[in-house]
Amino acid sequence: MQGIVGLDKTLSSLAEELETEGYEVVILDDGNINSVDAIIVGSSDINLLTTQDIAIDVPVINAAGKTFNEIIEELEMM
């Protein structure tokens, strides 16, 4: 899967690496959360934008404790 990946702002350092792998990267906010193909968060807290009850219909990857290669592997499986 290569497409638009939404990053939790705490993971902005991964943006350049993801772009070199062919992904378009955006930092998540209220305006773009519904326009991404996958979301990567930095912890198990999926409450991304301090908004309660967000309906997310895209894969969410928890990057906590994972290497960059493991994150890419998960993206490619989606």
N, C-alpha and C. Protein backbone atom coordinates (compact mmCIF):
# COMPACT_ATOMS: atom_id res chain seq x y z
N MET A 1 0.83 -1.18 0.00
CA MET A 1 0.00 0.00 0.00
C MET A 1 0.87 1.23 0.00
N GLN A 2 0.74 2.04 -0.98
CA GLN A 2 1.36 3.35 -0.94
C GLN A 2 0.26 4.35 -1.16
N GLY A 3 0.21 5.32 -0.34
CA GLY A 3 -0.85 6.31 -0.39
C GLY A 3 -0.55 7.41 0.60
N ILE A 4 -1.60 7.97 1.16
CA ILE A 4 -1.45 9.07 2.11
C ILE A 4 -1.46 8.50 3.52
N VAL A 5 -0.39 8.80 4.25
CA VAL A 5 -0.25 8.33 5.62
C VAL A 5 -0.38 9.52 6.55
N GLY A 6 -1.27 9.41 7.51
CA GLY A 6 -1.41 10.45 8.52
C GLY A 6 -0.57 10.10 9.73
N LEU A 7 0.27 11.03 10.14
CA LEU A 7 1.16 10.81 11.29
C LEU A 7 0.69 11.61 12.48
N ASP A 8 0.71 10.98 13.63
CA ASP A 8 0.55 11.69 14.89
C ASP A 8 1.70 12.70 14.96
N LYS A 9 1.42 13.91 15.44
CA LYS A 9 2.46 14.95 15.42
C LYS A 9 3.71 14.56 16.20
N THR A 10 3.60 13.64 17.15
CA THR A 10 4.78 13.20 17.90
C THR A 10 5.72 12.35 17.05
N LEU A 11 5.26 11.92 15.86
CA LEU A 11 6.08 11.08 14.98
C LEU A 11 6.54 11.81 13.73
N SER A 12 6.50 13.12 13.74
CA SER A 12 6.84 13.88 12.54
C SER A 12 8.25 13.57 12.03
N SER A 13 9.11 13.07 12.88
CA SER A 13 10.47 12.71 12.44
C SER A 13 10.48 11.55 11.45
N LEU A 14 9.40 10.78 11.38
CA LEU A 14 9.31 9.67 10.42
C LEU A 14 8.89 10.11 9.02
N ALA A 15 8.43 11.34 8.89
CA ALA A 15 7.86 11.80 7.63
C ALA A 15 8.82 11.64 6.45
N GLU A 16 10.04 12.09 6.59
CA GLU A 16 11.00 12.03 5.49
C GLU A 16 11.29 10.59 5.07
N GLU A 17 11.43 9.71 6.06
CA GLU A 17 11.70 8.30 5.75
C GLU A 17 10.52 7.67 5.01
N LEU A 18 9.31 7.97 5.44
CA LEU A 18 8.13 7.44 4.76
C LEU A 18 8.03 7.96 3.33
N GLU A 19 8.36 9.23 3.15
CA GLU A 19 8.33 9.81 1.80
C GLU A 19 9.34 9.14 0.88
N THR A 20 10.49 8.75 1.41
CA THR A 20 11.48 8.06 0.56
C THR A 20 10.98 6.68 0.17
N GLU A 21 10.04 6.13 0.93
CA GLU A 21 9.44 4.84 0.60
C GLU A 21 8.25 4.99 -0.35
N GLY A 22 7.93 6.23 -0.73
CA GLY A 22 6.86 6.45 -1.70
C GLY A 22 5.52 6.87 -1.12
N TYR A 23 5.46 7.11 0.17
CA TYR A 23 4.21 7.52 0.81
C TYR A 23 4.10 9.04 0.83
N GLU A 24 2.89 9.53 0.68
CA GLU A 24 2.61 10.94 0.93
C GLU A 24 2.28 11.04 2.41
N VAL A 25 2.85 12.02 3.11
CA VAL A 25 2.71 12.10 4.55
C VAL A 25 2.06 13.43 4.94
N VAL A 26 1.09 13.35 5.84
CA VAL A 26 0.49 14.54 6.43
C VAL A 26 0.48 14.38 7.94
N ILE A 27 0.63 15.49 8.64
CA ILE A 27 0.49 15.46 10.10
C ILE A 27 -1.00 15.60 10.38
N LEU A 28 -1.51 14.70 11.20
CA LEU A 28 -2.95 14.64 11.43
C LEU A 28 -3.49 15.86 12.16
N ASP A 29 -4.64 16.32 11.69
CA ASP A 29 -5.42 17.33 12.38
C ASP A 29 -6.88 17.12 12.02
N ASP A 30 -7.76 17.92 12.57
CA ASP A 30 -9.19 17.75 12.31
C ASP A 30 -9.54 17.84 10.84
N GLY A 31 -8.79 18.60 10.07
CA GLY A 31 -9.12 18.83 8.67
C GLY A 31 -8.73 17.72 7.72
N ASN A 32 -7.81 16.85 8.11
CA ASN A 32 -7.36 15.84 7.15
C ASN A 32 -7.50 14.40 7.63
N ILE A 33 -8.06 14.18 8.78
CA ILE A 33 -8.12 12.82 9.32
C ILE A 33 -8.93 11.87 8.44
N ASN A 34 -9.89 12.40 7.70
CA ASN A 34 -10.71 11.54 6.85
C ASN A 34 -10.18 11.41 5.43
N SER A 35 -9.04 12.00 5.14
CA SER A 35 -8.50 11.93 3.78
C SER A 35 -7.22 11.09 3.68
N VAL A 36 -6.92 10.32 4.71
CA VAL A 36 -5.71 9.50 4.70
C VAL A 36 -6.07 8.03 4.48
N ASP A 37 -5.07 7.28 4.00
CA ASP A 37 -5.25 5.85 3.75
C ASP A 37 -4.84 4.99 4.94
N ALA A 38 -4.02 5.54 5.83
CA ALA A 38 -3.59 4.84 7.04
C ALA A 38 -3.14 5.90 8.04
N ILE A 39 -3.17 5.52 9.30
CA ILE A 39 -2.76 6.42 10.38
C ILE A 39 -1.70 5.72 11.21
N ILE A 40 -0.66 6.48 11.58
CA ILE A 40 0.38 5.96 12.46
C ILE A 40 0.38 6.81 13.72
N VAL A 41 0.20 6.15 14.86
CA VAL A 41 0.20 6.85 16.14
C VAL A 41 1.42 6.41 16.95
N GLY A 42 1.75 7.22 17.93
CA GLY A 42 2.95 6.95 18.71
C GLY A 42 2.71 6.19 19.99
N SER A 43 1.49 5.88 20.30
CA SER A 43 1.19 5.13 21.52
C SER A 43 -0.09 4.36 21.31
N SER A 44 -0.49 3.63 22.31
CA SER A 44 -1.74 2.88 22.19
C SER A 44 -2.95 3.78 22.36
N ASP A 45 -2.74 5.06 22.63
CA ASP A 45 -3.84 6.00 22.78
C ASP A 45 -4.33 6.43 21.41
N ILE A 46 -5.41 5.85 20.94
CA ILE A 46 -5.94 6.14 19.61
C ILE A 46 -6.74 7.43 19.59
N ASN A 47 -6.94 8.05 20.75
CA ASN A 47 -7.66 9.32 20.81
C ASN A 47 -6.75 10.41 20.27
N LEU A 48 -6.60 10.43 18.95
CA LEU A 48 -5.58 11.20 18.25
C LEU A 48 -5.62 12.70 18.48
N LEU A 49 -6.78 13.27 18.39
CA LEU A 49 -6.87 14.72 18.35
C LEU A 49 -7.66 15.28 19.53
N THR A 50 -7.67 14.58 20.62
CA THR A 50 -8.43 14.94 21.81
C THR A 50 -9.90 15.15 21.49
N THR A 51 -10.38 14.53 20.44
CA THR A 51 -11.79 14.58 20.07
C THR A 51 -12.39 13.23 20.42
N GLN A 52 -13.46 13.22 21.12
CA GLN A 52 -14.08 11.98 21.52
C GLN A 52 -14.87 11.38 20.37
N ASP A 53 -14.89 10.06 20.28
CA ASP A 53 -15.75 9.32 19.36
C ASP A 53 -15.51 9.66 17.88
N ILE A 54 -14.27 9.76 17.46
CA ILE A 54 -13.96 9.95 16.05
C ILE A 54 -14.15 8.60 15.36
N ALA A 55 -14.91 8.59 14.28
CA ALA A 55 -15.09 7.36 13.52
C ALA A 55 -13.99 7.29 12.47
N ILE A 56 -13.08 6.34 12.62
CA ILE A 56 -11.96 6.21 11.70
C ILE A 56 -12.13 4.90 10.94
N ASP A 57 -12.19 5.02 9.62
CA ASP A 57 -12.41 3.84 8.79
C ASP A 57 -11.16 3.52 7.97
N VAL A 58 -9.99 3.68 8.60
CA VAL A 58 -8.71 3.37 7.95
C VAL A 58 -7.86 2.60 8.95
N PRO A 59 -6.87 1.86 8.46
CA PRO A 59 -5.98 1.14 9.37
C PRO A 59 -5.20 2.10 10.27
N VAL A 60 -5.05 1.71 11.52
CA VAL A 60 -4.27 2.49 12.48
C VAL A 60 -3.12 1.63 12.97
N ILE A 61 -1.91 2.14 12.83
CA ILE A 61 -0.70 1.42 13.26
C ILE A 61 -0.17 2.10 14.52
N ASN A 62 0.05 1.30 15.55
CA ASN A 62 0.66 1.79 16.77
C ASN A 62 2.17 1.61 16.62
N ALA A 63 2.91 2.69 16.52
CA ALA A 63 4.35 2.63 16.27
C ALA A 63 5.18 2.45 17.54
N ALA A 64 4.55 2.48 18.69
CA ALA A 64 5.29 2.36 19.95
C ALA A 64 6.08 1.06 20.00
N GLY A 65 7.37 1.18 20.20
CA GLY A 65 8.25 0.02 20.32
C GLY A 65 8.59 -0.67 19.02
N LYS A 66 8.20 -0.10 17.89
CA LYS A 66 8.47 -0.72 16.58
C LYS A 66 9.59 0.02 15.86
N THR A 67 10.32 -0.74 15.06
CA THR A 67 11.33 -0.13 14.21
C THR A 67 10.66 0.45 12.97
N PHE A 68 11.37 1.26 12.24
CA PHE A 68 10.83 1.82 11.01
C PHE A 68 10.47 0.70 10.04
N ASN A 69 11.32 -0.31 9.94
CA ASN A 69 11.05 -1.43 9.03
C ASN A 69 9.78 -2.18 9.42
N GLU A 70 9.53 -2.33 10.70
CA GLU A 70 8.30 -2.99 11.14
C GLU A 70 7.07 -2.17 10.78
N ILE A 71 7.18 -0.86 10.88
CA ILE A 71 6.07 0.03 10.50
C ILE A 71 5.80 -0.10 9.01
N ILE A 72 6.85 -0.09 8.20
CA ILE A 72 6.70 -0.24 6.74
C ILE A 72 6.07 -1.58 6.41
N GLU A 73 6.51 -2.65 7.07
CA GLU A 73 5.92 -3.97 6.84
C GLU A 73 4.41 -3.96 7.10
N GLU A 74 3.99 -3.31 8.18
CA GLU A 74 2.57 -3.23 8.48
C GLU A 74 1.83 -2.43 7.41
N LEU A 75 2.42 -1.34 6.96
CA LEU A 75 1.78 -0.55 5.90
C LEU A 75 1.62 -1.36 4.63
N GLU A 76 2.64 -2.13 4.29
CA GLU A 76 2.60 -2.92 3.07
C GLU A 76 1.59 -4.05 3.14
N MET A 77 1.25 -4.50 4.32
CA MET A 77 0.27 -5.56 4.48
C MET A 77 -1.17 -5.05 4.35
N MET A 78 -1.34 -3.76 4.36
CA MET A 78 -2.68 -3.18 4.33
C MET A 78 -3.15 -2.92 2.91
